[in-house]
């Protein structure tokens, strides 16, 4: 079991070292979860499968460390994008090696 965990961690490390950046799936799986407050929301004008991409500026409030402001562009499935407005709270995950890389998981 320990060997399997070590092997998986080694593969992840090699992939991240090659790309220099975590993928969205990697952030969702290995990122640090935190709450964030939405500062602004606007549509980018792009869409994926007729779902609008939204640009969201937010202040992330990690349990440890300092708050930081970041901006993400993401397609929100279902009613997730409709619920986002200035002042609302969301749960995010971010790359601990590059906190500006954030994925919005859900509204609070």
PDB file of N, CA and C in Angstrom:
ATOM      1  N   UNK A   1       0.821  -1.191   0.000  1.00  0.00           N
ATOM      2  CA  UNK A   1       0.000   0.000   0.000  1.00  0.00           C
ATOM      3  C   UNK A   1       0.868   1.259   0.000  1.00  0.00           C
ATOM      4  N   UNK A   2       1.904   1.269   0.826  1.00  0.00           N
ATOM      5  CA  UNK A   2       2.805   2.421   0.891  1.00  0.00           C
ATOM      6  C   UNK A   2       3.500   2.620  -0.447  1.00  0.00           C
ATOM      7  N   UNK A   3       3.896   1.526  -1.072  1.00  0.00           N
ATOM      8  CA  UNK A   3       4.558   1.616  -2.374  1.00  0.00           C
ATOM      9  C   UNK A   3       3.622   2.214  -3.421  1.00  0.00           C
ATOM     10  N   UNK A   4       2.350   1.854  -3.374  1.00  0.00           N
ATOM     11  CA  UNK A   4       1.372   2.387  -4.319  1.00  0.00           C
ATOM     12  C   UNK A   4       1.189   3.892  -4.121  1.00  0.00           C
ATOM     13  N   UNK A   5       1.087   4.323  -2.886  1.00  0.00           N
ATOM     14  CA  UNK A   5       0.951   5.757  -2.589  1.00  0.00           C
ATOM     15  C   UNK A   5       2.193   6.512  -3.046  1.00  0.00           C
ATOM     16  N   UNK A   6       3.377   5.954  -2.759  1.00  0.00           N
ATOM     17  CA  UNK A   6       4.620   6.593  -3.188  1.00  0.00           C
ATOM     18  C   UNK A   6       4.682   6.714  -4.702  1.00  0.00           C
ATOM     19  N   UNK A   7       4.305   5.647  -5.411  1.00  0.00           N
ATOM     20  CA  UNK A   7       4.330   5.661  -6.873  1.00  0.00           C
ATOM     21  C   UNK A   7       3.380   6.725  -7.429  1.00  0.00           C
ATOM     22  N   UNK A   8       2.157   6.806  -6.875  1.00  0.00           N
ATOM     23  CA  UNK A   8       1.189   7.807  -7.344  1.00  0.00           C
ATOM     24  C   UNK A   8       1.703   9.223  -7.090  1.00  0.00           C
ATOM     25  N   UNK A   9       2.272   9.465  -5.924  1.00  0.00           N
ATOM     26  CA  UNK A   9       2.820  10.791  -5.616  1.00  0.00           C
ATOM     27  C   UNK A   9       3.993  11.121  -6.533  1.00  0.00           C
ATOM     28  N   UNK A  10       4.842  10.150  -6.819  1.00  0.00           N
ATOM     29  CA  UNK A  10       5.987  10.366  -7.704  1.00  0.00           C
ATOM     30  C   UNK A  10       5.530  10.723  -9.119  1.00  0.00           C
ATOM     31  N   UNK A  11       4.495  10.015  -9.614  1.00  0.00           N
ATOM     32  CA  UNK A  11       3.974  10.321 -10.956  1.00  0.00           C
ATOM     33  C   UNK A  11       3.374  11.717 -11.015  1.00  0.00           C
ATOM     34  N   UNK A  12       2.631  12.084  -9.981  1.00  0.00           N
ATOM     35  CA  UNK A  12       2.051  13.427  -9.929  1.00  0.00           C
ATOM     36  C   UNK A  12       3.153  14.475  -9.916  1.00  0.00           C
ATOM     37  N   UNK A  13       4.172  14.276  -9.105  1.00  0.00           N
ATOM     38  CA  UNK A  13       5.284  15.220  -9.030  1.00  0.00           C
ATOM     39  C   UNK A  13       5.956  15.382 -10.380  1.00  0.00           C
ATOM     40  N   UNK A  14       6.217  14.275 -11.072  1.00  0.00           N
ATOM     41  CA  UNK A  14       6.851  14.347 -12.393  1.00  0.00           C
ATOM     42  C   UNK A  14       5.990  15.110 -13.393  1.00  0.00           C
ATOM     43  N   UNK A  15       4.665  14.855 -13.365  1.00  0.00           N
ATOM     44  CA  UNK A  15       3.758  15.538 -14.286  1.00  0.00           C
ATOM     45  C   UNK A  15       3.738  17.043 -14.006  1.00  0.00           C
ATOM     46  N   UNK A  16       3.674  17.412 -12.746  1.00  0.00           N
ATOM     47  CA  UNK A  16       3.647  18.824 -12.380  1.00  0.00           C
ATOM     48  C   UNK A  16       4.963  19.504 -12.713  1.00  0.00           C
ATOM     49  N   UNK A  17       6.065  18.807 -12.515  1.00  0.00           N
ATOM     50  CA  UNK A  17       7.381  19.369 -12.813  1.00  0.00           C
ATOM     51  C   UNK A  17       7.519  19.640 -14.309  1.00  0.00           C
ATOM     52  N   UNK A  18       6.998  18.714 -15.132  1.00  0.00           N
ATOM     53  CA  UNK A  18       7.053  18.894 -16.590  1.00  0.00           C
ATOM     54  C   UNK A  18       6.221  20.077 -17.041  1.00  0.00           C
ATOM     55  N   UNK A  19       5.010  20.179 -16.557  1.00  0.00           N
ATOM     56  CA  UNK A  19       4.099  21.210 -17.041  1.00  0.00           C
ATOM     57  C   UNK A  19       4.293  22.527 -16.323  1.00  0.00           C
ATOM     58  N   UNK A  20       4.794  22.495 -15.081  1.00  0.00           N
ATOM     59  CA  UNK A  20       4.969  23.710 -14.305  1.00  0.00           C
ATOM     60  C   UNK A  20       3.654  24.257 -13.769  1.00  0.00           C
ATOM     61  N   UNK A  21       2.567  23.565 -14.029  1.00  0.00           N
ATOM     62  CA  UNK A  21       1.250  24.054 -13.633  1.00  0.00           C
ATOM     63  C   UNK A  21       0.310  22.865 -13.468  1.00  0.00           C
ATOM     64  N   UNK A  22      -0.522  22.938 -12.436  1.00  0.00           N
ATOM     65  CA  UNK A  22      -1.485  21.864 -12.194  1.00  0.00           C
ATOM     66  C   UNK A  22      -2.674  22.014 -13.142  1.00  0.00           C
ATOM     67  N   UNK A  23      -3.228  20.889 -13.588  1.00  0.00           N
ATOM     68  CA  UNK A  23      -4.442  20.922 -14.392  1.00  0.00           C
ATOM     69  C   UNK A  23      -5.637  21.147 -13.471  1.00  0.00           C
ATOM     70  N   UNK A  24      -6.787  21.447 -14.053  1.00  0.00           N
ATOM     71  CA  UNK A  24      -8.010  21.638 -13.272  1.00  0.00           C
ATOM     72  C   UNK A  24      -8.307  20.376 -12.462  1.00  0.00           C
ATOM     73  N   UNK A  25      -8.169  19.202 -13.084  1.00  0.00           N
ATOM     74  CA  UNK A  25      -8.432  17.945 -12.369  1.00  0.00           C
ATOM     75  C   UNK A  25      -7.469  17.755 -11.203  1.00  0.00           C
ATOM     76  N   UNK A  26      -6.193  18.115 -11.409  1.00  0.00           N
ATOM     77  CA  UNK A  26      -5.209  18.003 -10.331  1.00  0.00           C
ATOM     78  C   UNK A  26      -5.569  18.940  -9.177  1.00  0.00           C
ATOM     79  N   UNK A  27      -5.990  20.164  -9.501  1.00  0.00           N
ATOM     80  CA  UNK A  27      -6.375  21.113  -8.454  1.00  0.00           C
ATOM     81  C   UNK A  27      -7.593  20.586  -7.708  1.00  0.00           C
ATOM     82  N   UNK A  28      -8.580  20.060  -8.440  1.00  0.00           N
ATOM     83  CA  UNK A  28      -9.776  19.507  -7.789  1.00  0.00           C
ATOM     84  C   UNK A  28      -9.412  18.355  -6.857  1.00  0.00           C
ATOM     85  N   UNK A  29      -8.432  17.542  -7.243  1.00  0.00           N
ATOM     86  CA  UNK A  29      -8.073  16.377  -6.445  1.00  0.00           C
ATOM     87  C   UNK A  29      -7.068  16.699  -5.339  1.00  0.00           C
ATOM     88  N   UNK A  30      -6.046  17.510  -5.638  1.00  0.00           N
ATOM     89  CA  UNK A  30      -4.947  17.704  -4.702  1.00  0.00           C
ATOM     90  C   UNK A  30      -4.861  19.126  -4.127  1.00  0.00           C
ATOM     91  N   UNK A  31      -5.693  20.039  -4.633  1.00  0.00           N
ATOM     92  CA  UNK A  31      -5.621  21.427  -4.187  1.00  0.00           C
ATOM     93  C   UNK A  31      -6.086  21.625  -2.759  1.00  0.00           C
ATOM     94  N   UNK A  32      -5.831  22.809  -2.247  1.00  0.00           N
ATOM     95  CA  UNK A  32      -6.241  23.168  -0.893  1.00  0.00           C
ATOM     96  C   UNK A  32      -7.610  23.837  -0.963  1.00  0.00           C
ATOM     97  N   UNK A  33      -8.540  23.350  -0.158  1.00  0.00           N
ATOM     98  CA  UNK A  33      -9.902  23.892  -0.157  1.00  0.00           C
ATOM     99  C   UNK A  33      -9.974  25.125   0.731  1.00  0.00           C
ATOM    100  N   UNK A  34     -10.747  26.110   0.289  1.00  0.00           N
ATOM    101  CA  UNK A  34     -10.931  27.341   1.051  1.00  0.00           C
ATOM    102  C   UNK A  34     -12.264  27.977   0.661  1.00  0.00           C
ATOM    103  N   UNK A  35     -12.684  28.943   1.448  1.00  0.00           N
ATOM    104  CA  UNK A  35     -13.869  29.723   1.134  1.00  0.00           C
ATOM    105  C   UNK A  35     -13.399  31.013   0.461  1.00  0.00           C
ATOM    106  N   UNK A  36     -14.229  31.536  -0.434  1.00  0.00           N
ATOM    107  CA  UNK A  36     -13.894  32.783  -1.123  1.00  0.00           C
ATOM    108  C   UNK A  36     -15.126  33.659  -1.210  1.00  0.00           C
ATOM    109  N   UNK A  37     -14.908  34.966  -1.221  1.00  0.00           N
ATOM    110  CA  UNK A  37     -15.990  35.942  -1.389  1.00  0.00           C
ATOM    111  C   UNK A  37     -15.877  36.530  -2.788  1.00  0.00           C
ATOM    112  N   UNK A  38     -16.984  36.504  -3.526  1.00  0.00           N
ATOM    113  CA  UNK A  38     -17.006  37.033  -4.888  1.00  0.00           C
ATOM    114  C   UNK A  38     -16.943  38.556  -4.840  1.00  0.00           C
ATOM    115  N   UNK A  39     -16.014  39.112  -5.617  1.00  0.00           N
ATOM    116  CA  UNK A  39     -15.889  40.565  -5.718  1.00  0.00           C
ATOM    117  C   UNK A  39     -16.587  41.105  -6.954  1.00  0.00           C
ATOM    118  N   UNK A  40     -16.488  40.361  -8.064  1.00  0.00           N
ATOM    119  CA  UNK A  40     -17.176  40.773  -9.295  1.00  0.00           C
ATOM    120  C   UNK A  40     -17.394  39.568 -10.197  1.00  0.00           C
ATOM    121  N   UNK A  41     -18.433  39.671 -11.036  1.00  0.00           N
ATOM    122  CA  UNK A  41     -18.796  38.605 -11.972  1.00  0.00           C
ATOM    123  C   UNK A  41     -19.140  39.249 -13.303  1.00  0.00           C
ATOM    124  N   UNK A  42     -18.604  38.702 -14.388  1.00  0.00           N
ATOM    125  CA  UNK A  42     -18.986  39.178 -15.720  1.00  0.00           C
ATOM    126  C   UNK A  42     -18.835  38.065 -16.737  1.00  0.00           C
ATOM    127  N   UNK A  43     -19.678  38.088 -17.761  1.00  0.00           N
ATOM    128  CA  UNK A  43     -19.572  37.098 -18.830  1.00  0.00           C
ATOM    129  C   UNK A  43     -18.418  37.467 -19.742  1.00  0.00           C
ATOM    130  N   UNK A  44     -17.717  36.441 -20.240  1.00  0.00           N
ATOM    131  CA  UNK A  44     -16.570  36.683 -21.115  1.00  0.00           C
ATOM    132  C   UNK A  44     -16.979  36.828 -22.571  1.00  0.00           C
ATOM    133  N   UNK A  45     -18.199  36.390 -22.910  1.00  0.00           N
ATOM    134  CA  UNK A  45     -18.634  36.394 -24.303  1.00  0.00           C
ATOM    135  C   UNK A  45     -18.384  35.068 -24.994  1.00  0.00           C
ATOM    136  N   UNK A  46     -17.668  34.162 -24.335  1.00  0.00           N
ATOM    137  CA  UNK A  46     -17.427  32.824 -24.871  1.00  0.00           C
ATOM    138  C   UNK A  46     -18.428  31.858 -24.272  1.00  0.00           C
ATOM    139  N   UNK A  47     -18.666  30.752 -24.973  1.00  0.00           N
ATOM    140  CA  UNK A  47     -19.538  29.728 -24.417  1.00  0.00           C
ATOM    141  C   UNK A  47     -19.033  28.355 -24.839  1.00  0.00           C
ATOM    142  N   UNK A  48     -19.358  27.369 -24.007  1.00  0.00           N
ATOM    143  CA  UNK A  48     -19.019  25.978 -24.276  1.00  0.00           C
ATOM    144  C   UNK A  48     -20.321  25.207 -24.189  1.00  0.00           C
ATOM    145  N   UNK A  49     -20.696  24.559 -25.292  1.00  0.00           N
ATOM    146  CA  UNK A  49     -21.966  23.820 -25.349  1.00  0.00           C
ATOM    147  C   UNK A  49     -23.144  24.704 -24.921  1.00  0.00           C
ATOM    148  N   UNK A  50     -23.156  25.923 -25.422  1.00  0.00           N
ATOM    149  CA  UNK A  50     -24.209  26.905 -25.128  1.00  0.00           C
ATOM    150  C   UNK A  50     -24.299  27.306 -23.657  1.00  0.00           C
ATOM    151  N   UNK A  51     -23.225  27.111 -22.910  1.00  0.00           N
ATOM    152  CA  UNK A  51     -23.153  27.569 -21.522  1.00  0.00           C
ATOM    153  C   UNK A  51     -22.093  28.659 -21.461  1.00  0.00           C
ATOM    154  N   UNK A  52     -22.468  29.820 -20.959  1.00  0.00           N
ATOM    155  CA  UNK A  52     -21.565  30.965 -20.944  1.00  0.00           C
ATOM    156  C   UNK A  52     -20.401  30.763 -19.984  1.00  0.00           C
ATOM    157  N   UNK A  53     -19.241  31.214 -20.439  1.00  0.00           N
ATOM    158  CA  UNK A  53     -18.081  31.256 -19.567  1.00  0.00           C
ATOM    159  C   UNK A  53     -18.165  32.553 -18.766  1.00  0.00           C
ATOM    160  N   UNK A  54     -17.816  32.485 -17.492  1.00  0.00           N
ATOM    161  CA  UNK A  54     -17.930  33.640 -16.610  1.00  0.00           C
ATOM    162  C   UNK A  54     -16.565  33.941 -16.001  1.00  0.00           C
ATOM    163  N   UNK A  55     -16.225  35.226 -15.942  1.00  0.00           N
ATOM    164  CA  UNK A  55     -15.006  35.670 -15.277  1.00  0.00           C
ATOM    165  C   UNK A  55     -15.388  36.135 -13.881  1.00  0.00           C
ATOM    166  N   UNK A  56     -14.755  35.556 -12.875  1.00  0.00           N
ATOM    167  CA  UNK A  56     -15.084  35.845 -11.482  1.00  0.00           C
ATOM    168  C   UNK A  56     -13.825  36.316 -10.767  1.00  0.00           C
ATOM    169  N   UNK A  57     -13.917  37.495 -10.153  1.00  0.00           N
ATOM    170  CA  UNK A  57     -12.833  37.973  -9.299  1.00  0.00           C
ATOM    171  C   UNK A  57     -13.257  37.697  -7.864  1.00  0.00           C
ATOM    172  N   UNK A  58     -12.339  37.137  -7.061  1.00  0.00           N
ATOM    173  CA  UNK A  58     -12.705  36.749  -5.700  1.00  0.00           C
ATOM    174  C   UNK A  58     -11.545  36.926  -4.738  1.00  0.00           C
ATOM    175  N   UNK A  59     -11.902  37.038  -3.473  1.00  0.00           N
ATOM    176  CA  UNK A  59     -10.909  37.052  -2.409  1.00  0.00           C
ATOM    177  C   UNK A  59     -10.960  35.695  -1.727  1.00  0.00           C
ATOM    178  N   UNK A  60      -9.879  34.939  -1.841  1.00  0.00           N
ATOM    179  CA  UNK A  60      -9.795  33.609  -1.250  1.00  0.00           C
ATOM    180  C   UNK A  60      -9.312  33.754   0.188  1.00  0.00           C
ATOM    181  N   UNK A  61      -9.975  33.023   1.091  1.00  0.00           N
ATOM    182  CA  UNK A  61      -9.666  33.111   2.516  1.00  0.00           C
ATOM    183  C   UNK A  61      -9.244  31.734   3.033  1.00  0.00           C
ATOM    184  N   UNK A  62      -7.966  31.380   2.861  1.00  0.00           N
ATOM    185  CA  UNK A  62      -7.502  30.068   3.314  1.00  0.00           C
ATOM    186  C   UNK A  62      -7.522  29.960   4.842  1.00  0.00           C
ATOM    187  N   UNK A  63      -7.615  28.733   5.349  1.00  0.00           N
ATOM    188  CA  UNK A  63      -7.558  28.516   6.793  1.00  0.00           C
ATOM    189  C   UNK A  63      -6.198  28.929   7.354  1.00  0.00           C
ATOM    190  N   UNK A  64      -5.148  28.672   6.572  1.00  0.00           N
ATOM    191  CA  UNK A  64      -3.790  29.043   6.985  1.00  0.00           C
ATOM    192  C   UNK A  64      -3.221  29.994   5.943  1.00  0.00           C
ATOM    193  N   UNK A  65      -2.516  30.992   6.382  1.00  0.00           N
ATOM    194  CA  UNK A  65      -1.902  31.933   5.450  1.00  0.00           C
ATOM    195  C   UNK A  65      -2.785  33.148   5.238  1.00  0.00           C
ATOM    196  N   UNK A  66      -2.338  34.001   4.342  1.00  0.00           N
ATOM    197  CA  UNK A  66      -3.017  35.263   4.080  1.00  0.00           C
ATOM    198  C   UNK A  66      -4.072  35.129   3.002  1.00  0.00           C
ATOM    199  N   UNK A  67      -5.099  35.979   3.096  1.00  0.00           N
ATOM    200  CA  UNK A  67      -6.099  36.065   2.035  1.00  0.00           C
ATOM    201  C   UNK A  67      -5.425  36.580   0.770  1.00  0.00           C
ATOM    202  N   UNK A  68      -5.969  36.222  -0.397  1.00  0.00           N
ATOM    203  CA  UNK A  68      -5.446  36.732  -1.651  1.00  0.00           C
ATOM    204  C   UNK A  68      -6.581  36.895  -2.649  1.00  0.00           C
ATOM    205  N   UNK A  69      -6.380  37.808  -3.580  1.00  0.00           N
ATOM    206  CA  UNK A  69      -7.374  38.074  -4.621  1.00  0.00           C
ATOM    207  C   UNK A  69      -6.908  37.412  -5.901  1.00  0.00           C
ATOM    208  N   UNK A  70      -7.833  36.757  -6.590  1.00  0.00           N
ATOM    209  CA  UNK A  70      -7.527  36.108  -7.856  1.00  0.00           C
ATOM    210  C   UNK A  70      -8.731  36.211  -8.777  1.00  0.00           C
ATOM    211  N   UNK A  71      -8.517  35.841 -10.029  1.00  0.00           N
ATOM    212  CA  UNK A  71      -9.587  35.892 -11.025  1.00  0.00           C
ATOM    213  C   UNK A  71      -9.586  34.580 -11.788  1.00  0.00           C
ATOM    214  N   UNK A  72     -10.763  34.006 -11.993  1.00  0.00           N
ATOM    215  CA  UNK A  72     -10.875  32.770 -12.765  1.00  0.00           C
ATOM    216  C   UNK A  72     -11.893  32.955 -13.880  1.00  0.00           C
ATOM    217  N   UNK A  73     -11.674  32.252 -14.953  1.00  0.00           N
ATOM    218  CA  UNK A  73     -12.654  32.170 -16.037  1.00  0.00           C
ATOM    219  C   UNK A  73     -13.075  30.721 -16.090  1.00  0.00           C
ATOM    220  N   UNK A  74     -14.369  30.476 -15.932  1.00  0.00           N
ATOM    221  CA  UNK A  74     -14.842  29.107 -15.801  1.00  0.00           C
ATOM    222  C   UNK A  74     -16.258  29.007 -16.339  1.00  0.00           C
ATOM    223  N   UNK A  75     -16.586  27.852 -16.882  1.00  0.00           N
ATOM    224  CA  UNK A  75     -17.948  27.543 -17.297  1.00  0.00           C
ATOM    225  C   UNK A  75     -18.619  26.868 -16.108  1.00  0.00           C
ATOM    226  N   UNK A  76     -19.750  27.392 -15.688  1.00  0.00           N
ATOM    227  CA  UNK A  76     -20.461  26.862 -14.532  1.00  0.00           C
ATOM    228  C   UNK A  76     -21.684  26.099 -15.004  1.00  0.00           C
ATOM    229  N   UNK A  77     -21.698  24.806 -14.775  1.00  0.00           N
ATOM    230  CA  UNK A  77     -22.812  23.956 -15.182  1.00  0.00           C
ATOM    231  C   UNK A  77     -23.996  24.146 -14.260  1.00  0.00           C
ATOM    232  N   UNK A  78     -25.171  23.891 -14.761  1.00  0.00           N
ATOM    233  CA  UNK A  78     -26.390  24.015 -13.961  1.00  0.00           C
ATOM    234  C   UNK A  78     -26.640  25.459 -13.583  1.00  0.00           C
ATOM    235  N   UNK A  79     -27.117  25.674 -12.382  1.00  0.00           N
ATOM    236  CA  UNK A  79     -27.443  27.031 -11.958  1.00  0.00           C
ATOM    237  C   UNK A  79     -26.307  27.680 -11.195  1.00  0.00           C
ATOM    238  N   UNK A  80     -25.121  27.047 -11.157  1.00  0.00           N
ATOM    239  CA  UNK A  80     -24.001  27.594 -10.396  1.00  0.00           C
ATOM    240  C   UNK A  80     -23.630  29.002 -10.789  1.00  0.00           C
ATOM    241  N   UNK A  81     -23.630  29.308 -12.077  1.00  0.00           N
ATOM    242  CA  UNK A  81     -23.272  30.639 -12.524  1.00  0.00           C
ATOM    243  C   UNK A  81     -24.313  31.673 -12.177  1.00  0.00           C
ATOM    244  N   UNK A  82     -25.574  31.264 -12.139  1.00  0.00           N
ATOM    245  CA  UNK A  82     -26.663  32.189 -11.830  1.00  0.00           C
ATOM    246  C   UNK A  82     -26.575  32.660 -10.387  1.00  0.00           C
ATOM    247  N   UNK A  83     -26.109  31.807  -9.477  1.00  0.00           N
ATOM    248  CA  UNK A  83     -26.030  32.128  -8.061  1.00  0.00           C
ATOM    249  C   UNK A  83     -24.868  33.060  -7.730  1.00  0.00           C
ATOM    250  N   UNK A  84     -23.921  33.203  -8.635  1.00  0.00           N
ATOM    251  CA  UNK A  84     -22.742  34.003  -8.342  1.00  0.00           C
ATOM    252  C   UNK A  84     -23.017  35.481  -8.544  1.00  0.00           C
ATOM    253  N   UNK A  85     -22.771  36.248  -7.502  1.00  0.00           N
ATOM    254  CA  UNK A  85     -22.887  37.693  -7.582  1.00  0.00           C
ATOM    255  C   UNK A  85     -21.954  38.297  -6.549  1.00  0.00           C
ATOM    256  N   UNK A  86     -21.678  39.559  -6.681  1.00  0.00           N
ATOM    257  CA  UNK A  86     -20.796  40.244  -5.754  1.00  0.00           C
ATOM    258  C   UNK A  86     -21.277  40.050  -4.323  1.00  0.00           C
ATOM    259  N   UNK A  87     -20.380  39.612  -3.451  1.00  0.00           N
ATOM    260  CA  UNK A  87     -20.711  39.392  -2.050  1.00  0.00           C
ATOM    261  C   UNK A  87     -21.064  37.959  -1.709  1.00  0.00           C
ATOM    262  N   UNK A  88     -21.381  37.117  -2.709  1.00  0.00           N
ATOM    263  CA  UNK A  88     -21.717  35.726  -2.404  1.00  0.00           C
ATOM    264  C   UNK A  88     -20.442  34.941  -2.071  1.00  0.00           C
ATOM    265  N   UNK A  89     -20.622  33.813  -1.388  1.00  0.00           N
ATOM    266  CA  UNK A  89     -19.495  32.981  -0.985  1.00  0.00           C
ATOM    267  C   UNK A  89     -19.489  31.691  -1.788  1.00  0.00           C
ATOM    268  N   UNK A  90     -18.291  31.213  -2.077  1.00  0.00           N
ATOM    269  CA  UNK A  90     -18.111  29.964  -2.802  1.00  0.00           C
ATOM    270  C   UNK A  90     -17.013  29.148  -2.130  1.00  0.00           C
ATOM    271  N   UNK A  91     -17.027  27.861  -2.405  1.00  0.00           N
ATOM    272  CA  UNK A  91     -15.947  26.972  -1.983  1.00  0.00           C
ATOM    273  C   UNK A  91     -15.044  26.768  -3.196  1.00  0.00           C
ATOM    274  N   UNK A  92     -13.740  26.940  -2.990  1.00  0.00           N
ATOM    275  CA  UNK A  92     -12.768  26.799  -4.068  1.00  0.00           C
ATOM    276  C   UNK A  92     -11.670  25.835  -3.639  1.00  0.00           C
ATOM    277  N   UNK A  93     -10.894  25.404  -4.614  1.00  0.00           N
ATOM    278  CA  UNK A  93      -9.632  24.711  -4.353  1.00  0.00           C
ATOM    279  C   UNK A  93      -8.573  25.448  -5.155  1.00  0.00           C
ATOM    280  N   UNK A  94      -7.369  25.543  -4.573  1.00  0.00           N
ATOM    281  CA  UNK A  94      -6.292  26.239  -5.261  1.00  0.00           C
ATOM    282  C   UNK A  94      -4.999  25.447  -5.194  1.00  0.00           C
ATOM    283  N   UNK A  95      -4.122  25.727  -6.140  1.00  0.00           N
ATOM    284  CA  UNK A  95      -2.812  25.088  -6.235  1.00  0.00           C
ATOM    285  C   UNK A  95      -1.910  25.709  -5.170  1.00  0.00           C
ATOM    286  N   UNK A  96      -1.436  24.930  -4.187  1.00  0.00           N
ATOM    287  CA  UNK A  96      -0.585  25.514  -3.150  1.00  0.00           C
ATOM    288  C   UNK A  96       0.734  26.059  -3.693  1.00  0.00           C
ATOM    289  N   UNK A  97       1.186  25.542  -4.833  1.00  0.00           N
ATOM    290  CA  UNK A  97       2.415  26.038  -5.453  1.00  0.00           C
ATOM    291  C   UNK A  97       2.200  27.308  -6.257  1.00  0.00           C
ATOM    292  N   UNK A  98       0.947  27.588  -6.629  1.00  0.00           N
ATOM    293  CA  UNK A  98       0.602  28.780  -7.400  1.00  0.00           C
ATOM    294  C   UNK A  98      -0.828  29.169  -7.021  1.00  0.00           C
ATOM    295  N   UNK A  99      -1.018  29.888  -5.913  1.00  0.00           N
ATOM    296  CA  UNK A  99      -2.359  30.180  -5.403  1.00  0.00           C
ATOM    297  C   UNK A  99      -3.263  30.933  -6.373  1.00  0.00           C
ATOM    298  N   UNK A 100      -2.723  31.500  -7.426  1.00  0.00           N
ATOM    299  CA  UNK A 100      -3.570  32.185  -8.413  1.00  0.00           C
ATOM    300  C   UNK A 100      -4.347  31.189  -9.278  1.00  0.00           C
ATOM    301  N   UNK A 101      -3.939  29.922  -9.250  1.00  0.00           N
ATOM    302  CA  UNK A 101      -4.651  28.881  -9.992  1.00  0.00           C
ATOM    303  C   UNK A 101      -5.762  28.328  -9.100  1.00  0.00           C
ATOM    304  N   UNK A 102      -6.998  28.734  -9.382  1.00  0.00           N
ATOM    305  CA  UNK A 102      -8.136  28.417  -8.521  1.00  0.00           C
ATOM    306  C   UNK A 102      -9.247  27.793  -9.354  1.00  0.00           C
ATOM    307  N   UNK A 103      -9.977  26.858  -8.746  1.00  0.00           N
ATOM    308  CA  UNK A 103     -11.149  26.257  -9.348  1.00  0.00           C
ATOM    309  C   UNK A 103     -12.316  26.450  -8.383  1.00  0.00           C
ATOM    310  N   UNK A 104     -13.416  27.010  -8.876  1.00  0.00           N
ATOM    311  CA  UNK A 104     -14.629  27.172  -8.066  1.00  0.00           C
ATOM    312  C   UNK A 104     -15.358  25.841  -8.049  1.00  0.00           C
ATOM    313  N   UNK A 105     -15.636  25.328  -6.851  1.00  0.00           N
ATOM    314  CA  UNK A 105     -16.323  24.048  -6.713  1.00  0.00           C
ATOM    315  C   UNK A 105     -17.831  24.210  -6.623  1.00  0.00           C
ATOM    316  N   UNK A 106     -18.290  25.114  -5.730  1.00  0.00           N
ATOM    317  CA  UNK A 106     -19.728  25.294  -5.548  1.00  0.00           C
ATOM    318  C   UNK A 106     -20.001  26.561  -4.747  1.00  0.00           C
ATOM    319  N   UNK A 107     -21.240  27.014  -4.827  1.00  0.00           N
ATOM    320  CA  UNK A 107     -21.672  28.152  -4.015  1.00  0.00           C
ATOM    321  C   UNK A 107     -21.963  27.656  -2.598  1.00  0.00           C
ATOM    322  N   UNK A 108     -21.853  28.560  -1.655  1.00  0.00           N
ATOM    323  CA  UNK A 108     -22.153  28.219  -0.244  1.00  0.00           C
ATOM    324  C   UNK A 108     -23.588  28.509   0.037  1.00  0.00           C
TER     325      UNK A 108
END
